[in-house]
């Protein structure tokens, strides 16, 4: 994984059903060989600001805790505070702090409130950057889309830390 250049692709939706439709279309596009998705989730944020993972998948894992861990990685890369709100553990906290610092230094530019404001949904995918344009274009129902480069080392470290705490995180993400 560390040799790949990764991108985080985000689509924002006022309608949760449209987010789910685009998510399913993303998965179908991957299945048909149009691109590869490393991990993807549909997040919803209610009017009170509570965020829930509605759908998730990770091609590199099969079932159970590992799928939830894959969702945790995508959520953590999109918005470290969202994962930090559910995850407990010094290792995860330190990595999320580093990701946040890297983003501030690089002016990463994916604002949670802009792409997942209260009462909206978002499809968030991690892909090899060679697929970012195709994945971004596949989010046809989204109100706005963005793709940004992410540090593959951050992805690898966060994935490892989350997998070590997968059961706790899955319980929180799916609650």
N, C-alpha and C. Protein backbone atom coordinates (compact mmCIF):
# COMPACT_ATOMS: atom_id res chain seq x y z
N UNK A 1 0.80 -1.19 0.00
CA UNK A 1 0.00 0.00 0.00
C UNK A 1 0.85 1.26 0.00
N UNK A 2 1.96 1.29 0.69
CA UNK A 2 2.71 2.52 0.87
C UNK A 2 3.30 3.08 -0.42
N UNK A 3 3.33 2.30 -1.49
CA UNK A 3 3.87 2.82 -2.74
C UNK A 3 2.81 3.54 -3.57
N UNK A 4 1.56 3.45 -3.17
CA UNK A 4 0.49 4.08 -3.93
C UNK A 4 0.32 5.53 -3.52
N UNK A 5 -0.13 6.31 -4.48
CA UNK A 5 -0.59 7.67 -4.20
C UNK A 5 -2.09 7.58 -4.02
N UNK A 6 -2.57 8.06 -2.89
CA UNK A 6 -3.98 7.91 -2.57
C UNK A 6 -4.72 9.23 -2.67
N UNK A 7 -6.02 9.13 -2.89
CA UNK A 7 -6.90 10.29 -2.92
C UNK A 7 -8.14 9.99 -2.12
N UNK A 8 -8.65 11.01 -1.48
CA UNK A 8 -9.91 10.96 -0.76
C UNK A 8 -10.92 11.68 -1.65
N UNK A 9 -11.98 10.98 -2.03
CA UNK A 9 -13.02 11.56 -2.89
C UNK A 9 -14.29 11.68 -2.06
N UNK A 10 -14.88 12.88 -2.07
CA UNK A 10 -16.07 13.15 -1.26
C UNK A 10 -17.16 13.73 -2.14
N UNK A 11 -18.37 13.21 -1.99
CA UNK A 11 -19.55 13.78 -2.62
C UNK A 11 -20.55 14.10 -1.54
N UNK A 12 -21.17 15.27 -1.63
CA UNK A 12 -22.12 15.73 -0.62
C UNK A 12 -23.54 15.68 -1.19
N UNK A 13 -24.51 15.30 -0.34
CA UNK A 13 -25.89 15.09 -0.77
C UNK A 13 -26.88 15.67 0.23
N UNK A 14 -27.90 16.32 -0.29
CA UNK A 14 -29.01 16.74 0.57
C UNK A 14 -29.96 15.58 0.82
N UNK A 15 -29.94 14.58 -0.06
CA UNK A 15 -30.86 13.44 0.01
C UNK A 15 -30.06 12.16 0.26
N UNK A 16 -30.35 11.50 1.38
CA UNK A 16 -29.64 10.28 1.75
C UNK A 16 -29.85 9.17 0.73
N UNK A 17 -31.04 9.08 0.16
CA UNK A 17 -31.30 8.04 -0.84
C UNK A 17 -30.39 8.21 -2.05
N UNK A 18 -30.14 9.44 -2.46
CA UNK A 18 -29.24 9.67 -3.59
C UNK A 18 -27.81 9.29 -3.25
N UNK A 19 -27.41 9.54 -2.00
CA UNK A 19 -26.07 9.13 -1.56
C UNK A 19 -25.95 7.61 -1.63
N UNK A 20 -26.98 6.90 -1.18
CA UNK A 20 -26.95 5.44 -1.22
C UNK A 20 -26.92 4.92 -2.65
N UNK A 21 -27.66 5.58 -3.55
CA UNK A 21 -27.65 5.17 -4.96
C UNK A 21 -26.26 5.36 -5.57
N UNK A 22 -25.62 6.50 -5.29
CA UNK A 22 -24.27 6.71 -5.81
C UNK A 22 -23.28 5.73 -5.21
N UNK A 23 -23.43 5.42 -3.94
CA UNK A 23 -22.55 4.45 -3.30
C UNK A 23 -22.67 3.10 -4.00
N UNK A 24 -23.91 2.67 -4.26
CA UNK A 24 -24.11 1.39 -4.96
C UNK A 24 -23.54 1.44 -6.37
N UNK A 25 -23.69 2.59 -7.04
CA UNK A 25 -23.12 2.75 -8.38
C UNK A 25 -21.59 2.68 -8.33
N UNK A 26 -21.00 3.26 -7.28
CA UNK A 26 -19.54 3.17 -7.10
C UNK A 26 -19.11 1.72 -7.00
N UNK A 27 -19.81 0.96 -6.17
CA UNK A 27 -19.46 -0.45 -5.97
C UNK A 27 -19.62 -1.21 -7.29
N UNK A 28 -20.68 -0.91 -8.05
CA UNK A 28 -20.90 -1.57 -9.34
C UNK A 28 -19.79 -1.21 -10.33
N UNK A 29 -19.38 0.05 -10.34
CA UNK A 29 -18.29 0.47 -11.22
C UNK A 29 -17.00 -0.26 -10.90
N UNK A 30 -16.76 -0.48 -9.63
CA UNK A 30 -15.58 -1.24 -9.24
C UNK A 30 -15.71 -2.69 -9.71
N UNK A 31 -16.88 -3.26 -9.50
CA UNK A 31 -17.10 -4.66 -9.89
C UNK A 31 -16.94 -4.87 -11.39
N UNK A 32 -17.29 -3.84 -12.18
CA UNK A 32 -17.19 -3.97 -13.64
C UNK A 32 -15.79 -3.66 -14.14
N UNK A 33 -14.88 -3.30 -13.24
CA UNK A 33 -13.49 -3.08 -13.63
C UNK A 33 -13.15 -1.66 -14.04
N UNK A 34 -14.03 -0.71 -13.76
CA UNK A 34 -13.77 0.67 -14.16
C UNK A 34 -12.75 1.37 -13.28
N UNK A 35 -12.61 0.93 -12.05
CA UNK A 35 -11.67 1.51 -11.09
C UNK A 35 -11.64 0.63 -9.86
N UNK A 36 -10.73 0.95 -8.94
CA UNK A 36 -10.63 0.21 -7.69
C UNK A 36 -10.83 1.16 -6.51
N UNK A 37 -11.68 0.74 -5.60
CA UNK A 37 -11.93 1.51 -4.38
C UNK A 37 -11.25 0.79 -3.23
N UNK A 38 -10.46 1.51 -2.47
CA UNK A 38 -9.79 0.92 -1.31
C UNK A 38 -10.77 0.83 -0.15
N UNK A 39 -11.55 1.86 0.05
CA UNK A 39 -12.56 1.87 1.09
C UNK A 39 -13.57 2.97 0.80
N UNK A 40 -14.82 2.75 1.20
CA UNK A 40 -15.85 3.76 0.97
C UNK A 40 -16.93 3.65 2.03
N UNK A 41 -17.54 4.79 2.35
CA UNK A 41 -18.64 4.83 3.32
C UNK A 41 -19.67 5.85 2.86
N UNK A 42 -20.89 5.67 3.37
CA UNK A 42 -21.92 6.70 3.30
C UNK A 42 -22.12 7.17 4.73
N UNK A 43 -21.93 8.46 4.94
CA UNK A 43 -22.16 9.05 6.26
C UNK A 43 -23.42 9.90 6.19
N UNK A 44 -24.18 9.91 7.27
CA UNK A 44 -25.29 10.84 7.39
C UNK A 44 -25.09 11.63 8.68
N UNK A 45 -25.53 12.87 8.64
CA UNK A 45 -25.43 13.73 9.82
C UNK A 45 -26.82 14.29 10.08
N UNK A 46 -27.38 13.97 11.25
CA UNK A 46 -28.72 14.45 11.53
C UNK A 46 -28.70 15.93 11.91
N UNK A 47 -29.87 16.48 12.10
CA UNK A 47 -29.99 17.92 12.39
C UNK A 47 -29.28 18.31 13.68
N UNK A 48 -29.11 17.35 14.60
CA UNK A 48 -28.40 17.62 15.85
C UNK A 48 -26.89 17.47 15.72
N UNK A 49 -26.42 17.09 14.54
CA UNK A 49 -24.99 16.97 14.30
C UNK A 49 -24.43 15.58 14.51
N UNK A 50 -25.26 14.60 14.92
CA UNK A 50 -24.77 13.24 15.14
C UNK A 50 -24.52 12.56 13.79
N UNK A 51 -23.35 11.96 13.66
CA UNK A 51 -22.94 11.32 12.42
C UNK A 51 -23.06 9.80 12.55
N UNK A 52 -23.61 9.18 11.51
CA UNK A 52 -23.71 7.72 11.47
C UNK A 52 -23.17 7.20 10.15
N UNK A 53 -22.54 6.02 10.23
CA UNK A 53 -22.11 5.33 9.02
C UNK A 53 -23.29 4.49 8.57
N UNK A 54 -23.82 4.79 7.39
CA UNK A 54 -24.98 4.07 6.88
C UNK A 54 -24.59 2.85 6.06
N UNK A 55 -23.56 2.97 5.25
CA UNK A 55 -23.10 1.86 4.42
C UNK A 55 -21.59 1.93 4.36
N UNK A 56 -20.97 0.77 4.30
CA UNK A 56 -19.52 0.77 4.18
C UNK A 56 -19.07 -0.50 3.50
N UNK A 57 -17.88 -0.44 2.98
CA UNK A 57 -17.29 -1.60 2.34
C UNK A 57 -15.80 -1.39 2.19
N UNK A 58 -15.11 -2.47 2.10
CA UNK A 58 -13.67 -2.42 1.93
C UNK A 58 -13.28 -3.67 1.15
N UNK A 59 -12.78 -3.48 -0.05
CA UNK A 59 -12.49 -4.63 -0.92
C UNK A 59 -11.42 -5.55 -0.35
N UNK A 60 -10.62 -5.03 0.58
CA UNK A 60 -9.50 -5.83 1.05
C UNK A 60 -9.86 -6.72 2.24
N UNK A 61 -11.09 -6.64 2.70
CA UNK A 61 -11.47 -7.44 3.86
C UNK A 61 -12.78 -8.14 3.59
N UNK A 62 -13.07 -9.13 4.41
CA UNK A 62 -14.26 -9.93 4.18
C UNK A 62 -15.46 -9.54 5.01
N UNK A 63 -15.39 -9.72 6.31
CA UNK A 63 -16.57 -9.55 7.13
C UNK A 63 -16.23 -8.97 8.49
N UNK A 64 -17.30 -8.70 9.23
CA UNK A 64 -17.21 -8.41 10.65
C UNK A 64 -16.37 -7.21 11.01
N UNK A 65 -15.54 -7.38 12.00
CA UNK A 65 -14.76 -6.28 12.56
C UNK A 65 -13.89 -5.60 11.52
N UNK A 66 -13.33 -6.37 10.60
CA UNK A 66 -12.43 -5.77 9.62
C UNK A 66 -13.16 -4.79 8.72
N UNK A 67 -14.42 -5.07 8.36
CA UNK A 67 -15.18 -4.14 7.54
C UNK A 67 -15.40 -2.85 8.32
N UNK A 68 -15.75 -2.97 9.58
CA UNK A 68 -15.92 -1.77 10.40
C UNK A 68 -14.63 -1.00 10.55
N UNK A 69 -13.52 -1.72 10.63
CA UNK A 69 -12.23 -1.05 10.71
C UNK A 69 -11.95 -0.29 9.43
N UNK A 70 -12.29 -0.87 8.27
CA UNK A 70 -12.12 -0.18 6.99
C UNK A 70 -12.94 1.09 6.96
N UNK A 71 -14.16 1.03 7.46
CA UNK A 71 -15.01 2.23 7.54
C UNK A 71 -14.36 3.26 8.45
N UNK A 72 -13.77 2.80 9.54
CA UNK A 72 -13.11 3.71 10.47
C UNK A 72 -11.95 4.45 9.83
N UNK A 73 -11.20 3.76 8.97
CA UNK A 73 -10.08 4.41 8.29
C UNK A 73 -10.60 5.53 7.39
N UNK A 74 -11.63 5.24 6.61
CA UNK A 74 -12.18 6.25 5.69
C UNK A 74 -12.72 7.43 6.47
N UNK A 75 -13.47 7.17 7.54
CA UNK A 75 -14.01 8.24 8.37
C UNK A 75 -12.88 9.04 8.99
N UNK A 76 -11.85 8.37 9.49
CA UNK A 76 -10.73 9.06 10.12
C UNK A 76 -9.95 9.94 9.16
N UNK A 77 -9.81 9.50 7.91
CA UNK A 77 -9.10 10.32 6.92
C UNK A 77 -9.93 11.51 6.48
N UNK A 78 -11.25 11.34 6.41
CA UNK A 78 -12.13 12.44 6.03
C UNK A 78 -12.22 13.46 7.16
N UNK A 79 -12.45 12.97 8.36
CA UNK A 79 -12.67 13.87 9.48
C UNK A 79 -12.16 13.24 10.76
N UNK A 80 -10.90 13.44 11.07
CA UNK A 80 -10.36 12.84 12.29
C UNK A 80 -11.22 13.06 13.54
N UNK A 81 -11.84 14.25 13.72
CA UNK A 81 -12.66 14.41 14.92
C UNK A 81 -13.85 13.46 14.98
N UNK A 82 -14.40 13.06 13.83
CA UNK A 82 -15.53 12.14 13.84
C UNK A 82 -15.10 10.77 14.35
N UNK A 83 -13.94 10.31 13.92
CA UNK A 83 -13.45 9.03 14.42
C UNK A 83 -13.02 9.16 15.87
N UNK A 84 -12.39 10.26 16.20
CA UNK A 84 -11.92 10.45 17.57
C UNK A 84 -13.08 10.46 18.55
N UNK A 85 -14.25 10.89 18.11
CA UNK A 85 -15.43 10.93 18.97
C UNK A 85 -15.87 9.52 19.35
N UNK A 86 -15.57 8.53 18.52
CA UNK A 86 -15.98 7.16 18.81
C UNK A 86 -14.82 6.27 19.22
N UNK A 87 -13.61 6.60 18.82
CA UNK A 87 -12.47 5.73 19.07
C UNK A 87 -11.74 6.13 20.34
N UNK A 88 -11.33 5.13 21.08
CA UNK A 88 -10.54 5.37 22.27
C UNK A 88 -9.21 4.64 22.07
N UNK A 89 -8.14 5.29 22.44
CA UNK A 89 -6.84 4.64 22.33
C UNK A 89 -5.77 5.63 21.98
N UNK A 90 -4.65 5.55 22.67
CA UNK A 90 -3.56 6.49 22.46
C UNK A 90 -2.99 6.39 21.06
N UNK A 91 -2.87 5.18 20.52
CA UNK A 91 -2.31 5.00 19.18
C UNK A 91 -3.15 5.68 18.12
N UNK A 92 -4.46 5.49 18.19
CA UNK A 92 -5.35 6.12 17.22
C UNK A 92 -5.34 7.63 17.40
N UNK A 93 -5.38 8.08 18.64
CA UNK A 93 -5.38 9.52 18.91
C UNK A 93 -4.13 10.20 18.37
N UNK A 94 -2.98 9.58 18.55
CA UNK A 94 -1.73 10.17 18.06
C UNK A 94 -1.72 10.24 16.54
N UNK A 95 -2.20 9.20 15.89
CA UNK A 95 -2.23 9.20 14.42
C UNK A 95 -3.21 10.24 13.91
N UNK A 96 -4.40 10.32 14.54
CA UNK A 96 -5.37 11.33 14.11
C UNK A 96 -4.82 12.73 14.30
N UNK A 97 -4.08 12.96 15.38
CA UNK A 97 -3.46 14.26 15.60
C UNK A 97 -2.45 14.59 14.51
N UNK A 98 -1.67 13.60 14.08
CA UNK A 98 -0.70 13.81 13.02
C UNK A 98 -1.41 14.11 11.69
N UNK A 99 -2.48 13.36 11.40
CA UNK A 99 -3.23 13.61 10.16
C UNK A 99 -3.80 15.02 10.18
N UNK A 100 -4.36 15.43 11.30
CA UNK A 100 -4.93 16.78 11.40
C UNK A 100 -3.84 17.83 11.19
N UNK A 101 -2.67 17.62 11.81
CA UNK A 101 -1.57 18.57 11.66
C UNK A 101 -1.10 18.64 10.20
N UNK A 102 -0.95 17.47 9.56
CA UNK A 102 -0.55 17.43 8.15
C UNK A 102 -1.54 18.18 7.28
N UNK A 103 -2.82 18.02 7.56
CA UNK A 103 -3.84 18.69 6.77
C UNK A 103 -3.76 20.19 6.93
N UNK A 104 -3.55 20.63 8.17
CA UNK A 104 -3.45 22.08 8.41
C UNK A 104 -2.25 22.66 7.69
N UNK A 105 -1.12 21.94 7.72
CA UNK A 105 0.09 22.42 7.05
C UNK A 105 -0.08 22.45 5.53
N UNK A 106 -0.80 21.46 5.00
CA UNK A 106 -0.98 21.37 3.55
C UNK A 106 -2.26 22.08 3.09
N UNK A 107 -3.00 22.65 4.03
CA UNK A 107 -4.29 23.26 3.73
C UNK A 107 -5.14 22.28 2.94
N UNK A 108 -5.39 21.15 3.57
CA UNK A 108 -6.06 20.03 2.93
C UNK A 108 -7.39 20.43 2.29
N UNK A 109 -8.21 21.22 2.96
CA UNK A 109 -9.37 21.80 2.32
C UNK A 109 -10.64 20.98 2.26
N UNK A 110 -10.77 19.89 3.00
CA UNK A 110 -12.05 19.19 3.06
C UNK A 110 -12.67 19.51 4.41
N UNK A 111 -13.64 20.41 4.38
CA UNK A 111 -14.28 20.87 5.60
C UNK A 111 -15.52 20.02 5.88
N UNK A 112 -15.55 19.39 7.05
CA UNK A 112 -16.67 18.54 7.41
C UNK A 112 -17.99 19.30 7.32
N UNK A 113 -18.00 20.52 7.82
CA UNK A 113 -19.26 21.27 7.80
C UNK A 113 -19.70 21.63 6.39
N UNK A 114 -18.76 21.74 5.47
CA UNK A 114 -19.12 22.04 4.09
C UNK A 114 -19.63 20.79 3.37
N UNK A 115 -19.01 19.65 3.61
CA UNK A 115 -19.36 18.44 2.89
C UNK A 115 -20.26 17.49 3.67
N UNK A 116 -20.48 17.76 4.94
CA UNK A 116 -21.38 16.95 5.75
C UNK A 116 -22.02 17.83 6.81
N UNK A 117 -22.77 18.81 6.36
CA UNK A 117 -23.44 19.71 7.29
C UNK A 117 -24.65 18.99 7.88
N UNK A 118 -25.19 19.49 9.00
CA UNK A 118 -26.36 18.84 9.60
C UNK A 118 -27.49 18.67 8.58
N UNK A 119 -28.09 17.48 8.58
CA UNK A 119 -29.19 17.18 7.69
C UNK A 119 -28.78 16.71 6.30
N UNK A 120 -27.50 16.36 6.13
CA UNK A 120 -27.02 15.92 4.82
C UNK A 120 -26.32 14.56 4.93
N UNK A 121 -25.91 14.06 3.78
CA UNK A 121 -25.15 12.81 3.69
C UNK A 121 -23.92 13.05 2.82
N UNK A 122 -22.97 12.13 2.91
CA UNK A 122 -21.78 12.19 2.07
C UNK A 122 -21.33 10.79 1.72
N UNK A 123 -20.83 10.63 0.50
CA UNK A 123 -20.14 9.41 0.12
C UNK A 123 -18.66 9.77 0.15
N UNK A 124 -17.89 8.97 0.87
CA UNK A 124 -16.46 9.22 1.01
C UNK A 124 -15.73 7.95 0.58
N UNK A 125 -14.77 8.10 -0.32
CA UNK A 125 -14.03 6.95 -0.82
C UNK A 125 -12.54 7.24 -0.80
N UNK A 126 -11.77 6.22 -0.50
CA UNK A 126 -10.31 6.28 -0.62
C UNK A 126 -9.95 5.43 -1.83
N UNK A 127 -9.20 6.03 -2.77
CA UNK A 127 -8.84 5.35 -4.01
C UNK A 127 -7.39 5.66 -4.36
N UNK A 128 -6.80 4.83 -5.19
CA UNK A 128 -5.52 5.19 -5.79
C UNK A 128 -5.79 6.43 -6.63
N UNK A 129 -4.88 7.40 -6.60
CA UNK A 129 -5.18 8.67 -7.27
C UNK A 129 -5.39 8.54 -8.77
N UNK A 130 -4.93 7.44 -9.37
CA UNK A 130 -5.17 7.27 -10.81
C UNK A 130 -6.66 7.07 -11.12
N UNK A 131 -7.45 6.71 -10.08
CA UNK A 131 -8.88 6.51 -10.26
C UNK A 131 -9.71 7.67 -9.74
N UNK A 132 -9.10 8.67 -9.15
CA UNK A 132 -9.86 9.73 -8.47
C UNK A 132 -10.85 10.43 -9.40
N UNK A 133 -10.43 10.78 -10.61
CA UNK A 133 -11.35 11.46 -11.54
C UNK A 133 -12.56 10.60 -11.87
N UNK A 134 -12.32 9.32 -12.15
CA UNK A 134 -13.43 8.42 -12.48
C UNK A 134 -14.39 8.27 -11.31
N UNK A 135 -13.84 8.10 -10.11
CA UNK A 135 -14.70 7.94 -8.93
C UNK A 135 -15.47 9.23 -8.67
N UNK A 136 -14.80 10.36 -8.77
CA UNK A 136 -15.48 11.64 -8.56
C UNK A 136 -16.62 11.81 -9.56
N UNK A 137 -16.39 11.48 -10.82
CA UNK A 137 -17.43 11.58 -11.85
C UNK A 137 -18.57 10.60 -11.62
N UNK A 138 -18.29 9.48 -10.94
CA UNK A 138 -19.33 8.48 -10.68
C UNK A 138 -20.34 8.96 -9.64
N UNK A 139 -20.00 9.98 -8.89
CA UNK A 139 -20.92 10.51 -7.87
C UNK A 139 -21.87 11.52 -8.52
N UNK A 140 -22.61 11.04 -9.50
CA UNK A 140 -23.41 11.92 -10.37
C UNK A 140 -24.56 12.62 -9.65
N UNK A 141 -25.06 12.07 -8.57
CA UNK A 141 -26.20 12.65 -7.87
C UNK A 141 -25.79 13.66 -6.80
N UNK A 142 -24.49 13.80 -6.58
CA UNK A 142 -24.02 14.68 -5.49
C UNK A 142 -24.20 16.14 -5.84
N UNK A 143 -24.40 16.93 -4.80
CA UNK A 143 -24.53 18.38 -4.97
C UNK A 143 -23.18 19.03 -5.21
N UNK A 144 -22.14 18.48 -4.59
CA UNK A 144 -20.77 18.96 -4.82
C UNK A 144 -19.82 17.81 -4.56
N UNK A 145 -18.66 17.87 -5.22
CA UNK A 145 -17.66 16.81 -5.13
C UNK A 145 -16.28 17.44 -5.00
N UNK A 146 -15.39 16.65 -4.39
CA UNK A 146 -14.00 17.08 -4.27
C UNK A 146 -13.12 15.84 -4.17
N UNK A 147 -11.90 15.94 -4.66
CA UNK A 147 -10.92 14.89 -4.42
C UNK A 147 -9.62 15.58 -4.02
N UNK A 148 -8.97 14.99 -3.03
CA UNK A 148 -7.73 15.54 -2.49
C UNK A 148 -6.75 14.41 -2.23
N UNK A 149 -5.49 14.68 -2.47
CA UNK A 149 -4.43 13.70 -2.17
C UNK A 149 -4.34 13.49 -0.67
N UNK A 150 -4.07 12.25 -0.29
CA UNK A 150 -3.84 11.93 1.12
C UNK A 150 -2.53 11.17 1.22
N UNK A 151 -1.97 11.18 2.39
CA UNK A 151 -0.69 10.52 2.64
C UNK A 151 -0.92 9.02 2.85
N UNK A 152 -0.35 8.20 1.99
CA UNK A 152 -0.56 6.76 2.11
C UNK A 152 0.01 6.22 3.41
N UNK A 153 1.04 6.87 3.94
CA UNK A 153 1.58 6.43 5.24
C UNK A 153 0.55 6.66 6.34
N UNK A 154 -0.17 7.79 6.28
CA UNK A 154 -1.24 8.03 7.25
C UNK A 154 -2.30 6.94 7.15
N UNK A 155 -2.65 6.58 5.92
CA UNK A 155 -3.64 5.52 5.71
C UNK A 155 -3.17 4.22 6.36
N UNK A 156 -1.93 3.84 6.08
CA UNK A 156 -1.41 2.57 6.60
C UNK A 156 -1.36 2.57 8.13
N UNK A 157 -0.87 3.66 8.72
CA UNK A 157 -0.78 3.72 10.18
C UNK A 157 -2.15 3.73 10.83
N UNK A 158 -3.08 4.48 10.26
CA UNK A 158 -4.43 4.55 10.82
C UNK A 158 -5.13 3.21 10.69
N UNK A 159 -4.97 2.55 9.54
CA UNK A 159 -5.58 1.23 9.34
C UNK A 159 -5.08 0.24 10.38
N UNK A 160 -3.77 0.24 10.60
CA UNK A 160 -3.20 -0.69 11.57
C UNK A 160 -3.71 -0.41 12.98
N UNK A 161 -3.73 0.85 13.37
CA UNK A 161 -4.20 1.20 14.72
C UNK A 161 -5.67 0.85 14.90
N UNK A 162 -6.47 1.09 13.86
CA UNK A 162 -7.89 0.79 13.96
C UNK A 162 -8.12 -0.72 13.99
N UNK A 163 -7.39 -1.46 13.18
CA UNK A 163 -7.55 -2.91 13.19
C UNK A 163 -7.21 -3.50 14.56
N UNK A 164 -6.26 -2.88 15.24
CA UNK A 164 -5.90 -3.37 16.58
C UNK A 164 -7.02 -3.12 17.59
N UNK A 165 -7.87 -2.13 17.31
CA UNK A 165 -8.99 -1.81 18.20
C UNK A 165 -10.32 -2.02 17.48
N UNK A 166 -10.34 -2.88 16.48
CA UNK A 166 -11.49 -3.01 15.58
C UNK A 166 -12.80 -3.29 16.29
N UNK A 167 -12.82 -4.20 17.24
CA UNK A 167 -14.09 -4.55 17.87
C UNK A 167 -14.74 -3.35 18.55
N UNK A 168 -13.94 -2.58 19.29
CA UNK A 168 -14.47 -1.40 19.98
C UNK A 168 -14.96 -0.36 18.98
N UNK A 169 -14.20 -0.15 17.92
CA UNK A 169 -14.56 0.86 16.93
C UNK A 169 -15.80 0.45 16.15
N UNK A 170 -15.87 -0.82 15.77
CA UNK A 170 -17.03 -1.29 15.02
C UNK A 170 -18.30 -1.08 15.85
N UNK A 171 -18.21 -1.40 17.12
CA UNK A 171 -19.38 -1.23 18.00
C UNK A 171 -19.81 0.24 18.00
N UNK A 172 -18.86 1.17 18.09
CA UNK A 172 -19.18 2.59 18.12
C UNK A 172 -19.68 3.08 16.77
N UNK A 173 -19.03 2.69 15.68
CA UNK A 173 -19.40 3.14 14.35
C UNK A 173 -20.80 2.66 14.00
N UNK A 174 -21.11 1.43 14.36
CA UNK A 174 -22.40 0.85 13.98
C UNK A 174 -23.51 1.15 14.98
N UNK A 175 -23.21 1.87 16.06
CA UNK A 175 -24.26 2.15 17.06
C UNK A 175 -25.12 3.31 16.65
